[in-house]
Amino acid sequence: MTETRKSEHAYYLDNTDPSLAPHIFETLKDVQAKCPVAWSDAVGGFWMLTKYADITAAANDWETYTVEEGHTIPSTGKSVMLPLAEVDPPEHTAWRRFLVPYFTPKTVESYRPLIEQIVAKAFAGLVERGRGDLVADVARQIPTSVISAILGFKQDWRHISNIVDEWMASTGDTANRDRALKAAAAVEAVVKEEVGRRRGK
């Protein structure tokens, strides 16, 4: 897009600004009213589609619009793409065919005993202590523990949760790009360690 086009569609919106959260819906409504297809100079610059029809049209037109440059604003700093989120057809089709069997109703049902055990263990900790924080001690633990168990990861859930939290938080730290790269590398190191362990390395 030319600089003239960007100027014509300019609407400054910094999606990493925490102060935006309380009035995000009012802000988006304002964008829709003033410039449904808008350009923001924040975090390196990005285009925004705010109308349902435009968003669905773009989502279904992979030959014109791509997800392969990343699906977050700004980039998370990772060195590899995230299937299926950052792959266009025909590669997307291959990845989908590979992953779908792991999410069929029958396969998901097979995870039930494992998940029930993890949930029970999380609440048992509260019972033993007689007190606790439902978010920090239960809600934060269960998703990470379940995903780790299904994937067969051996690392402690706290370690994985901490580095993923830092990875997500670092994407908003546009003044410190090295932070995002370091955080992404820490997450990738966990995966590489697990792959290496299974390969006997």
C-alpha atoms as a PDB file:
ATOM      1  CA  MET A   1       0.000   0.000   0.000  1.00  0.00           C
ATOM      2  CA  THR A   2       1.212   3.522  -0.740  1.00  0.00           C
ATOM      3  CA  GLU A   3       1.877   6.088   1.965  1.00  0.00           C
ATOM      4  CA  THR A   4      -1.037   8.116   0.589  1.00  0.00           C
ATOM      5  CA  ARG A   5      -3.402   5.190   1.096  1.00  0.00           C
ATOM      6  CA  LYS A   6      -2.127   4.714   4.640  1.00  0.00           C
ATOM      7  CA  SER A   7      -2.661   8.398   5.363  1.00  0.00           C
ATOM      8  CA  GLU A   8      -6.208   8.272   4.022  1.00  0.00           C
ATOM      9  CA  HIS A   9      -7.038   5.307   6.266  1.00  0.00           C
ATOM     10  CA  ALA A  10      -5.044   6.350   9.338  1.00  0.00           C
ATOM     11  CA  TYR A  11      -6.396   5.465  12.790  1.00  0.00           C
ATOM     12  CA  TYR A  12      -3.861   5.124  15.587  1.00  0.00           C
ATOM     13  CA  LEU A  13      -4.507   2.071  17.731  1.00  0.00           C
ATOM     14  CA  ASP A  14      -1.847   0.375  19.861  1.00  0.00           C
ATOM     15  CA  ASN A  15      -3.124  -3.099  20.657  1.00  0.00           C
ATOM     16  CA  THR A  16      -0.291  -3.605  23.191  1.00  0.00           C
ATOM     17  CA  ASP A  17      -1.399  -0.657  25.352  1.00  0.00           C
ATOM     18  CA  PRO A  18      -2.957  -2.040  28.588  1.00  0.00           C
ATOM     19  CA  SER A  19      -5.038   1.113  28.997  1.00  0.00           C
ATOM     20  CA  LEU A  20      -6.998   0.135  25.863  1.00  0.00           C
ATOM     21  CA  ALA A  21      -8.648  -2.893  27.489  1.00  0.00           C
ATOM     22  CA  PRO A  22     -11.419  -1.131  29.477  1.00  0.00           C
ATOM     23  CA  HIS A  23     -12.734   0.643  26.387  1.00  0.00           C
ATOM     24  CA  ILE A  24     -11.754  -1.727  23.571  1.00  0.00           C
ATOM     25  CA  PHE A  25     -15.323  -2.152  22.289  1.00  0.00           C
ATOM     26  CA  GLU A  26     -15.979   1.577  22.166  1.00  0.00           C
ATOM     27  CA  THR A  27     -12.680   2.048  20.330  1.00  0.00           C
ATOM     28  CA  LEU A  28     -13.455  -0.622  17.742  1.00  0.00           C
ATOM     29  CA  LYS A  29     -16.913   0.850  17.217  1.00  0.00           C
ATOM     30  CA  ASP A  30     -15.258   4.185  16.550  1.00  0.00           C
ATOM     31  CA  VAL A  31     -12.871   2.590  14.036  1.00  0.00           C
ATOM     32  CA  GLN A  32     -15.794   0.948  12.237  1.00  0.00           C
ATOM     33  CA  ALA A  33     -17.650   4.236  12.018  1.00  0.00           C
ATOM     34  CA  LYS A  34     -14.715   6.339  10.865  1.00  0.00           C
ATOM     35  CA  CYS A  35     -12.625   3.917   8.797  1.00  0.00           C
ATOM     36  CA  PRO A  36     -13.653   0.239   8.635  1.00  0.00           C
ATOM     37  CA  VAL A  37     -10.377  -0.585   6.848  1.00  0.00           C
ATOM     38  CA  ALA A  38      -7.788   1.297   8.872  1.00  0.00           C
ATOM     39  CA  TRP A  39      -4.034   1.704   9.103  1.00  0.00           C
ATOM     40  CA  SER A  40      -2.239   2.155  12.434  1.00  0.00           C
ATOM     41  CA  ASP A  41       1.409   3.225  12.766  1.00  0.00           C
ATOM     42  CA  ALA A  42       1.683   1.478  16.164  1.00  0.00           C
ATOM     43  CA  VAL A  43       4.038  -1.465  16.780  1.00  0.00           C
ATOM     44  CA  GLY A  44       5.596  -1.301  13.335  1.00  0.00           C
ATOM     45  CA  GLY A  45       2.360  -0.587  11.483  1.00  0.00           C
ATOM     46  CA  PHE A  46      -0.572  -2.806  10.545  1.00  0.00           C
ATOM     47  CA  TRP A  47      -3.883  -2.810   8.647  1.00  0.00           C
ATOM     48  CA  MET A  48      -7.163  -3.496  10.466  1.00  0.00           C
ATOM     49  CA  LEU A  49     -10.354  -4.987   9.079  1.00  0.00           C
ATOM     50  CA  THR A  50     -13.241  -4.271  11.453  1.00  0.00           C
ATOM     51  CA  LYS A  51     -16.348  -5.351   9.540  1.00  0.00           C
ATOM     52  CA  TYR A  52     -17.583  -8.931   9.723  1.00  0.00           C
ATOM     53  CA  ALA A  53     -18.034  -9.217   5.947  1.00  0.00           C
ATOM     54  CA  ASP A  54     -14.502  -7.968   5.269  1.00  0.00           C
ATOM     55  CA  ILE A  55     -12.946 -10.247   7.880  1.00  0.00           C
ATOM     56  CA  THR A  56     -14.706 -13.385   6.643  1.00  0.00           C
ATOM     57  CA  ALA A  57     -13.918 -12.519   3.023  1.00  0.00           C
ATOM     58  CA  ALA A  58     -10.221 -12.123   3.850  1.00  0.00           C
ATOM     59  CA  ALA A  59     -10.187 -15.299   5.936  1.00  0.00           C
ATOM     60  CA  ASN A  60     -11.539 -17.289   2.998  1.00  0.00           C
ATOM     61  CA  ASP A  61      -9.269 -15.750   0.357  1.00  0.00           C
ATOM     62  CA  TRP A  62      -5.853 -17.205   1.164  1.00  0.00           C
ATOM     63  CA  GLU A  63      -4.565 -16.428  -2.336  1.00  0.00           C
ATOM     64  CA  THR A  64      -4.862 -12.694  -1.591  1.00  0.00           C
ATOM     65  CA  TYR A  65      -4.378 -12.615   2.192  1.00  0.00           C
ATOM     66  CA  THR A  66      -1.764 -14.716   3.961  1.00  0.00           C
ATOM     67  CA  VAL A  67      -1.237 -15.838   7.541  1.00  0.00           C
ATOM     68  CA  GLU A  68       2.334 -16.945   6.886  1.00  0.00           C
ATOM     69  CA  GLU A  69       3.838 -13.656   8.069  1.00  0.00           C
ATOM     70  CA  GLY A  70       2.472 -14.304  11.546  1.00  0.00           C
ATOM     71  CA  HIS A  71      -0.877 -14.099  13.299  1.00  0.00           C
ATOM     72  CA  THR A  72      -0.005 -11.741  16.141  1.00  0.00           C
ATOM     73  CA  ILE A  73       0.673  -7.998  16.219  1.00  0.00           C
ATOM     74  CA  PRO A  74       3.545  -7.570  16.863  1.00  0.00           C
ATOM     75  CA  SER A  75       5.296 -10.851  16.054  1.00  0.00           C
ATOM     76  CA  THR A  76       5.977 -13.206  18.961  1.00  0.00           C
ATOM     77  CA  GLY A  77       9.623 -13.510  17.940  1.00  0.00           C
ATOM     78  CA  LYS A  78       9.515 -17.235  17.243  1.00  0.00           C
ATOM     79  CA  SER A  79      11.777 -18.781  14.612  1.00  0.00           C
ATOM     80  CA  VAL A  80       9.240 -21.279  13.221  1.00  0.00           C
ATOM     81  CA  MET A  81       5.653 -21.066  12.032  1.00  0.00           C
ATOM     82  CA  LEU A  82       2.740 -22.275  14.142  1.00  0.00           C
ATOM     83  CA  PRO A  83       0.574 -24.873  12.426  1.00  0.00           C
ATOM     84  CA  LEU A  84      -2.291 -24.495  11.664  1.00  0.00           C
ATOM     85  CA  ALA A  85      -2.455 -20.806  12.544  1.00  0.00           C
ATOM     86  CA  GLU A  86       0.340 -19.618  10.264  1.00  0.00           C
ATOM     87  CA  VAL A  87       0.124 -21.888   7.229  1.00  0.00           C
ATOM     88  CA  ASP A  88      -1.743 -21.292   3.972  1.00  0.00           C
ATOM     89  CA  PRO A  89      -3.053 -24.012   1.643  1.00  0.00           C
ATOM     90  CA  PRO A  90      -1.944 -26.413   0.350  1.00  0.00           C
ATOM     91  CA  GLU A  91       0.401 -26.895   3.347  1.00  0.00           C
ATOM     92  CA  HIS A  92      -2.501 -26.094   5.686  1.00  0.00           C
ATOM     93  CA  THR A  93      -4.475 -29.015   4.272  1.00  0.00           C
ATOM     94  CA  ALA A  94      -1.608 -31.419   4.936  1.00  0.00           C
ATOM     95  CA  TRP A  95      -1.186 -30.202   8.500  1.00  0.00           C
ATOM     96  CA  ARG A  96      -4.935 -30.438   9.126  1.00  0.00           C
ATOM     97  CA  ARG A  97      -5.037 -34.010   7.830  1.00  0.00           C
ATOM     98  CA  PHE A  98      -2.160 -34.895  10.174  1.00  0.00           C
ATOM     99  CA  LEU A  99      -3.622 -33.255  13.290  1.00  0.00           C
ATOM    100  CA  VAL A 100      -7.359 -33.985  13.015  1.00  0.00           C
ATOM    101  CA  PRO A 101      -7.105 -37.635  14.242  1.00  0.00           C
ATOM    102  CA  TYR A 102      -5.827 -36.339  17.597  1.00  0.00           C
ATOM    103  CA  PHE A 103      -9.015 -34.314  18.113  1.00  0.00           C
ATOM    104  CA  THR A 104     -11.790 -36.715  17.152  1.00  0.00           C
ATOM    105  CA  PRO A 105     -14.518 -37.259  19.797  1.00  0.00           C
ATOM    106  CA  LYS A 106     -13.210 -40.783  20.484  1.00  0.00           C
ATOM    107  CA  THR A 107      -9.627 -39.616  20.942  1.00  0.00           C
ATOM    108  CA  VAL A 108     -10.608 -36.660  23.119  1.00  0.00           C
ATOM    109  CA  GLU A 109     -12.755 -38.958  25.264  1.00  0.00           C
ATOM    110  CA  SER A 110      -9.690 -41.135  25.875  1.00  0.00           C
ATOM    111  CA  TYR A 111      -8.077 -38.170  27.636  1.00  0.00           C
ATOM    112  CA  ARG A 112     -10.857 -38.017  30.238  1.00  0.00           C
ATOM    113  CA  PRO A 113      -9.202 -40.174  32.981  1.00  0.00           C
ATOM    114  CA  LEU A 114      -5.964 -38.222  32.635  1.00  0.00           C
ATOM    115  CA  ILE A 115      -7.706 -34.859  32.824  1.00  0.00           C
ATOM    116  CA  GLU A 116      -9.833 -35.930  35.790  1.00  0.00           C
ATOM    117  CA  GLN A 117      -6.669 -36.991  37.611  1.00  0.00           C
ATOM    118  CA  ILE A 118      -4.992 -33.637  36.942  1.00  0.00           C
ATOM    119  CA  VAL A 119      -8.051 -31.676  38.102  1.00  0.00           C
ATOM    120  CA  ALA A 120      -8.378 -33.777  41.251  1.00  0.00           C
ATOM    121  CA  LYS A 121      -4.709 -33.278  42.061  1.00  0.00           C
ATOM    122  CA  ALA A 122      -4.992 -29.510  41.634  1.00  0.00           C
ATOM    123  CA  PHE A 123      -7.923 -29.280  44.037  1.00  0.00           C
ATOM    124  CA  ALA A 124      -6.278 -31.715  46.460  1.00  0.00           C
ATOM    125  CA  GLY A 125      -3.535 -29.156  46.944  1.00  0.00           C
ATOM    126  CA  LEU A 126      -6.120 -26.630  48.104  1.00  0.00           C
ATOM    127  CA  VAL A 127      -7.615 -29.148  50.527  1.00  0.00           C
ATOM    128  CA  GLU A 128      -4.216 -30.011  52.008  1.00  0.00           C
ATOM    129  CA  ARG A 129      -3.343 -26.365  52.597  1.00  0.00           C
ATOM    130  CA  GLY A 130      -6.825 -25.371  53.673  1.00  0.00           C
ATOM    131  CA  ARG A 131      -6.611 -22.285  51.509  1.00  0.00           C
ATOM    132  CA  GLY A 132      -5.452 -21.142  48.098  1.00  0.00           C
ATOM    133  CA  ASP A 133      -5.999 -19.020  45.042  1.00  0.00           C
ATOM    134  CA  LEU A 134      -8.411 -20.609  42.571  1.00  0.00           C
ATOM    135  CA  VAL A 135      -6.812 -18.833  39.616  1.00  0.00           C
ATOM    136  CA  ALA A 136      -3.142 -19.279  40.528  1.00  0.00           C
ATOM    137  CA  ASP A 137      -3.424 -22.772  42.039  1.00  0.00           C
ATOM    138  CA  VAL A 138      -6.076 -24.350  39.814  1.00  0.00           C
ATOM    139  CA  ALA A 139      -7.007 -22.400  36.685  1.00  0.00           C
ATOM    140  CA  ARG A 140      -3.383 -21.663  35.775  1.00  0.00           C
ATOM    141  CA  GLN A 141      -2.190 -25.181  36.463  1.00  0.00           C
ATOM    142  CA  ILE A 142      -4.796 -27.339  34.751  1.00  0.00           C
ATOM    143  CA  PRO A 143      -4.553 -26.201  31.081  1.00  0.00           C
ATOM    144  CA  THR A 144      -0.749 -26.369  31.075  1.00  0.00           C
ATOM    145  CA  SER A 145      -0.703 -29.720  32.867  1.00  0.00           C
ATOM    146  CA  VAL A 146      -3.328 -31.228  30.542  1.00  0.00           C
ATOM    147  CA  ILE A 147      -1.613 -30.091  27.344  1.00  0.00           C
ATOM    148  CA  SER A 148       1.785 -31.206  28.656  1.00  0.00           C
ATOM    149  CA  ALA A 149       0.439 -34.619  29.651  1.00  0.00           C
ATOM    150  CA  ILE A 150      -1.272 -35.198  26.306  1.00  0.00           C
ATOM    151  CA  LEU A 151       1.916 -34.232  24.473  1.00  0.00           C
ATOM    152  CA  GLY A 152       3.991 -36.378  26.824  1.00  0.00           C
ATOM    153  CA  PHE A 153       6.124 -33.509  28.126  1.00  0.00           C
ATOM    154  CA  LYS A 154       8.126 -34.221  31.275  1.00  0.00           C
ATOM    155  CA  GLN A 155       8.951 -30.676  32.398  1.00  0.00           C
ATOM    156  CA  ASP A 156       7.207 -29.240  35.438  1.00  0.00           C
ATOM    157  CA  TRP A 157       4.037 -27.370  34.516  1.00  0.00           C
ATOM    158  CA  ARG A 158       5.219 -24.296  36.420  1.00  0.00           C
ATOM    159  CA  HIS A 159       8.302 -23.995  34.250  1.00  0.00           C
ATOM    160  CA  ILE A 160       6.305 -24.306  31.042  1.00  0.00           C
ATOM    161  CA  SER A 161       3.609 -21.915  32.241  1.00  0.00           C
ATOM    162  CA  ASN A 162       6.184 -19.315  33.316  1.00  0.00           C
ATOM    163  CA  ILE A 163       8.078 -19.271  30.033  1.00  0.00           C
ATOM    164  CA  VAL A 164       4.862 -19.190  27.966  1.00  0.00           C
ATOM    165  CA  ASP A 165       3.566 -16.311  30.105  1.00  0.00           C
ATOM    166  CA  GLU A 166       6.803 -14.417  29.500  1.00  0.00           C
ATOM    167  CA  TRP A 167       6.591 -15.186  25.770  1.00  0.00           C
ATOM    168  CA  MET A 168       3.093 -13.749  25.535  1.00  0.00           C
ATOM    169  CA  ALA A 169       3.940 -10.710  27.691  1.00  0.00           C
ATOM    170  CA  SER A 170       7.052  -9.949  25.660  1.00  0.00           C
ATOM    171  CA  THR A 171       5.082  -9.454  22.443  1.00  0.00           C
ATOM    172  CA  GLY A 172       3.789  -6.177  23.831  1.00  0.00           C
ATOM    173  CA  ASP A 173       7.253  -4.953  24.802  1.00  0.00           C
ATOM    174  CA  THR A 174       7.969  -3.239  21.500  1.00  0.00           C
ATOM    175  CA  ALA A 175      10.860  -1.290  23.019  1.00  0.00           C
ATOM    176  CA  ASN A 176      12.743  -4.501  23.779  1.00  0.00           C
ATOM    177  CA  ARG A 177      12.737  -6.791  20.773  1.00  0.00           C
ATOM    178  CA  ASP A 178      15.437  -8.987  22.314  1.00  0.00           C
ATOM    179  CA  ARG A 179      13.042  -9.881  25.111  1.00  0.00           C
ATOM    180  CA  ALA A 180      10.576 -11.441  22.659  1.00  0.00           C
ATOM    181  CA  LEU A 181      13.341 -13.353  20.868  1.00  0.00           C
ATOM    182  CA  LYS A 182      14.726 -14.679  24.153  1.00  0.00           C
ATOM    183  CA  ALA A 183      11.278 -15.676  25.396  1.00  0.00           C
ATOM    184  CA  ALA A 184      10.404 -17.448  22.142  1.00  0.00           C
ATOM    185  CA  ALA A 185      13.736 -19.300  22.237  1.00  0.00           C
ATOM    186  CA  ALA A 186      12.944 -20.544  25.766  1.00  0.00           C
ATOM    187  CA  VAL A 187       9.617 -22.007  24.607  1.00  0.00           C
ATOM    188  CA  GLU A 188      11.237 -23.606  21.559  1.00  0.00           C
ATOM    189  CA  ALA A 189      13.959 -25.078  23.810  1.00  0.00           C
ATOM    190  CA  VAL A 190      11.311 -27.012  25.753  1.00  0.00           C
ATOM    191  CA  VAL A 191       9.988 -28.565  22.551  1.00  0.00           C
ATOM    192  CA  LYS A 192      13.484 -29.335  21.269  1.00  0.00           C
ATOM    193  CA  GLU A 193      14.355 -31.005  24.571  1.00  0.00           C
ATOM    194  CA  GLU A 194      11.281 -33.238  24.359  1.00  0.00           C
ATOM    195  CA  VAL A 195      11.978 -34.142  20.730  1.00  0.00           C
ATOM    196  CA  GLY A 196      15.582 -34.932  21.603  1.00  0.00           C
ATOM    197  CA  ARG A 197      14.541 -37.082  24.551  1.00  0.00           C
ATOM    198  CA  ARG A 198      12.247 -39.184  22.384  1.00  0.00           C
ATOM    199  CA  ARG A 199      14.967 -39.590  19.798  1.00  0.00           C
ATOM    200  CA  GLY A 200      17.324 -40.805  22.501  1.00  0.00           C
ATOM    201  CA  LYS A 201      19.592 -37.762  22.347  1.00  0.00           C
END
